[in-house]
Amino acid sequence: MIFKRVGDSRPYPVHGLEPRDWAAIPPRTVRLDQLVTTKDTLQLSSLLDEDSTYYGDLFAHVVAWKGDLYLEDGLHRALRAALHQRQVLHARVHEVS
């Protein structure tokens, strides 16, 4: 199992973070098997594109809510890590209370 669960929505409240707000959160490592996805599909071109992070954040965005870690943005990064046999992902984690 790569992820804790595969979801298809964001069950947590709207956090209102803009991209510049995410950039202020220092990245940390998160185990892939602790993540719950918020998307159940992936654009294959995003996974295979060598420059897929060129215009976006280099780190995945994760929301911590009610004891779970939700992968809000960066599914392609997480799957790429899994394909390379890595068990962790560098992500910016935002705590929502």
C-alpha atoms as a PDB file:
ATOM      1  CA  MET A   1       0.000   0.000   0.000  1.00  0.00           C
ATOM      2  CA  ILE A   2       1.469   3.352  -1.025  1.00  0.00           C
ATOM      3  CA  PHE A   3      -0.934   5.645   0.842  1.00  0.00           C
ATOM      4  CA  LYS A   4      -2.919   5.349   4.057  1.00  0.00           C
ATOM      5  CA  ARG A   5      -6.117   5.923   2.049  1.00  0.00           C
ATOM      6  CA  VAL A   6      -7.118   7.155  -1.369  1.00  0.00           C
ATOM      7  CA  GLY A   7      -9.694   9.902  -1.166  1.00  0.00           C
ATOM      8  CA  ASP A   8     -11.396  12.035  -3.789  1.00  0.00           C
ATOM      9  CA  SER A   9     -12.152  15.242  -1.874  1.00  0.00           C
ATOM     10  CA  ARG A  10     -10.890  17.629   0.782  1.00  0.00           C
ATOM     11  CA  PRO A  11     -12.756  16.774   3.994  1.00  0.00           C
ATOM     12  CA  TYR A  12     -11.067  19.512   6.039  1.00  0.00           C
ATOM     13  CA  PRO A  13     -12.277  23.134   6.273  1.00  0.00           C
ATOM     14  CA  VAL A  14     -11.075  25.705   3.756  1.00  0.00           C
ATOM     15  CA  HIS A  15      -7.743  27.013   5.015  1.00  0.00           C
ATOM     16  CA  GLY A  16      -7.388  30.015   2.715  1.00  0.00           C
ATOM     17  CA  LEU A  17      -3.650  29.643   2.098  1.00  0.00           C
ATOM     18  CA  GLU A  18      -2.288  31.272  -1.043  1.00  0.00           C
ATOM     19  CA  PRO A  19       0.861  29.967  -2.786  1.00  0.00           C
ATOM     20  CA  ARG A  20       3.026  32.584  -1.051  1.00  0.00           C
ATOM     21  CA  ASP A  21       1.621  31.429   2.310  1.00  0.00           C
ATOM     22  CA  TRP A  22       2.604  27.821   1.578  1.00  0.00           C
ATOM     23  CA  ALA A  23       6.109  29.016   0.692  1.00  0.00           C
ATOM     24  CA  ALA A  24       6.531  30.319   4.253  1.00  0.00           C
ATOM     25  CA  ILE A  25       6.035  26.827   5.733  1.00  0.00           C
ATOM     26  CA  PRO A  26       9.345  24.959   6.019  1.00  0.00           C
ATOM     27  CA  PRO A  27       9.316  21.532   4.338  1.00  0.00           C
ATOM     28  CA  ARG A  28       9.681  18.331   6.321  1.00  0.00           C
ATOM     29  CA  THR A  29       9.624  14.657   5.493  1.00  0.00           C
ATOM     30  CA  VAL A  30       6.335  12.770   5.582  1.00  0.00           C
ATOM     31  CA  ARG A  31       5.927   9.035   5.155  1.00  0.00           C
ATOM     32  CA  LEU A  32       3.880   8.120   2.094  1.00  0.00           C
ATOM     33  CA  ASP A  33       1.939   5.509   4.057  1.00  0.00           C
ATOM     34  CA  GLN A  34       0.671   8.254   6.409  1.00  0.00           C
ATOM     35  CA  LEU A  35      -0.893  10.301   3.599  1.00  0.00           C
ATOM     36  CA  VAL A  36      -4.539  10.389   2.554  1.00  0.00           C
ATOM     37  CA  THR A  37      -4.965  11.635  -1.008  1.00  0.00           C
ATOM     38  CA  THR A  38      -7.552  14.266  -1.913  1.00  0.00           C
ATOM     39  CA  LYS A  39      -7.559  13.221  -5.578  1.00  0.00           C
ATOM     40  CA  ASP A  40      -8.136   9.769  -6.972  1.00  0.00           C
ATOM     41  CA  THR A  41      -6.889  10.490 -10.496  1.00  0.00           C
ATOM     42  CA  LEU A  42      -3.644  11.801 -11.920  1.00  0.00           C
ATOM     43  CA  GLN A  43      -2.698  13.364 -15.209  1.00  0.00           C
ATOM     44  CA  LEU A  44      -0.052  10.954 -16.500  1.00  0.00           C
ATOM     45  CA  SER A  45       1.753  13.818 -18.240  1.00  0.00           C
ATOM     46  CA  SER A  46       2.287  15.440 -14.799  1.00  0.00           C
ATOM     47  CA  LEU A  47       3.902  12.274 -13.492  1.00  0.00           C
ATOM     48  CA  LEU A  48       6.232  11.793 -16.435  1.00  0.00           C
ATOM     49  CA  ASP A  49       7.127  15.427 -17.121  1.00  0.00           C
ATOM     50  CA  GLU A  50      10.753  16.087 -16.122  1.00  0.00           C
ATOM     51  CA  ASP A  51       9.990  19.781 -15.464  1.00  0.00           C
ATOM     52  CA  SER A  52       6.695  19.231 -13.662  1.00  0.00           C
ATOM     53  CA  THR A  53       7.744  21.448 -10.739  1.00  0.00           C
ATOM     54  CA  TYR A  54       9.109  24.299 -12.871  1.00  0.00           C
ATOM     55  CA  TYR A  55       6.125  26.605 -12.368  1.00  0.00           C
ATOM     56  CA  GLY A  56       4.992  25.293  -8.979  1.00  0.00           C
ATOM     57  CA  ASP A  57       6.294  24.614  -5.517  1.00  0.00           C
ATOM     58  CA  LEU A  58       9.067  22.045  -5.299  1.00  0.00           C
ATOM     59  CA  PHE A  59       7.369  20.506  -2.263  1.00  0.00           C
ATOM     60  CA  ALA A  60       4.015  18.797  -1.867  1.00  0.00           C
ATOM     61  CA  HIS A  61       1.302  20.527   0.173  1.00  0.00           C
ATOM     62  CA  VAL A  62      -0.150  18.534   3.047  1.00  0.00           C
ATOM     63  CA  VAL A  63      -2.931  19.527   5.427  1.00  0.00           C
ATOM     64  CA  ALA A  64      -2.916  18.000   8.920  1.00  0.00           C
ATOM     65  CA  TRP A  65      -6.474  17.726  10.230  1.00  0.00           C
ATOM     66  CA  LYS A  66      -8.061  15.512  12.889  1.00  0.00           C
ATOM     67  CA  GLY A  67      -5.052  13.209  13.107  1.00  0.00           C
ATOM     68  CA  ASP A  68      -4.698  12.613   9.359  1.00  0.00           C
ATOM     69  CA  LEU A  69      -2.321  14.049   6.781  1.00  0.00           C
ATOM     70  CA  TYR A  70      -4.117  15.014   3.569  1.00  0.00           C
ATOM     71  CA  LEU A  71      -2.087  15.373   0.379  1.00  0.00           C
ATOM     72  CA  GLU A  72      -3.681  18.482  -1.089  1.00  0.00           C
ATOM     73  CA  ASP A  73      -1.174  19.127  -3.858  1.00  0.00           C
ATOM     74  CA  GLY A  74       1.687  16.976  -5.116  1.00  0.00           C
ATOM     75  CA  LEU A  75       0.125  13.613  -5.959  1.00  0.00           C
ATOM     76  CA  HIS A  76       2.483  13.278  -8.931  1.00  0.00           C
ATOM     77  CA  ARG A  77       5.486  13.937  -6.654  1.00  0.00           C
ATOM     78  CA  ALA A  78       4.278  11.297  -4.186  1.00  0.00           C
ATOM     79  CA  LEU A  79       3.778   8.694  -6.906  1.00  0.00           C
ATOM     80  CA  ARG A  80       7.154   9.502  -8.434  1.00  0.00           C
ATOM     81  CA  ALA A  81       8.749   8.973  -5.003  1.00  0.00           C
ATOM     82  CA  ALA A  82       6.959   5.620  -4.663  1.00  0.00           C
ATOM     83  CA  LEU A  83       8.099   4.546  -8.134  1.00  0.00           C
ATOM     84  CA  HIS A  84      11.675   5.284  -7.053  1.00  0.00           C
ATOM     85  CA  GLN A  85      11.191   3.006  -4.028  1.00  0.00           C
ATOM     86  CA  ARG A  86      11.242   5.930  -1.565  1.00  0.00           C
ATOM     87  CA  GLN A  87       8.996   5.804   1.484  1.00  0.00           C
ATOM     88  CA  VAL A  88       9.098   9.510   2.331  1.00  0.00           C
ATOM     89  CA  LEU A  89       8.203  12.750   0.605  1.00  0.00           C
ATOM     90  CA  HIS A  90       9.321  16.294   1.362  1.00  0.00           C
ATOM     91  CA  ALA A  91       6.215  18.381   1.996  1.00  0.00           C
ATOM     92  CA  ARG A  92       5.011  21.604   3.528  1.00  0.00           C
ATOM     93  CA  VAL A  93       2.545  20.640   6.274  1.00  0.00           C
ATOM     94  CA  HIS A  94      -0.167  23.065   7.371  1.00  0.00           C
ATOM     95  CA  GLU A  95      -2.007  22.322  10.641  1.00  0.00           C
ATOM     96  CA  VAL A  96      -5.752  23.033  10.528  1.00  0.00           C
ATOM     97  CA  SER A  97      -7.625  23.064  13.834  1.00  0.00           C
END
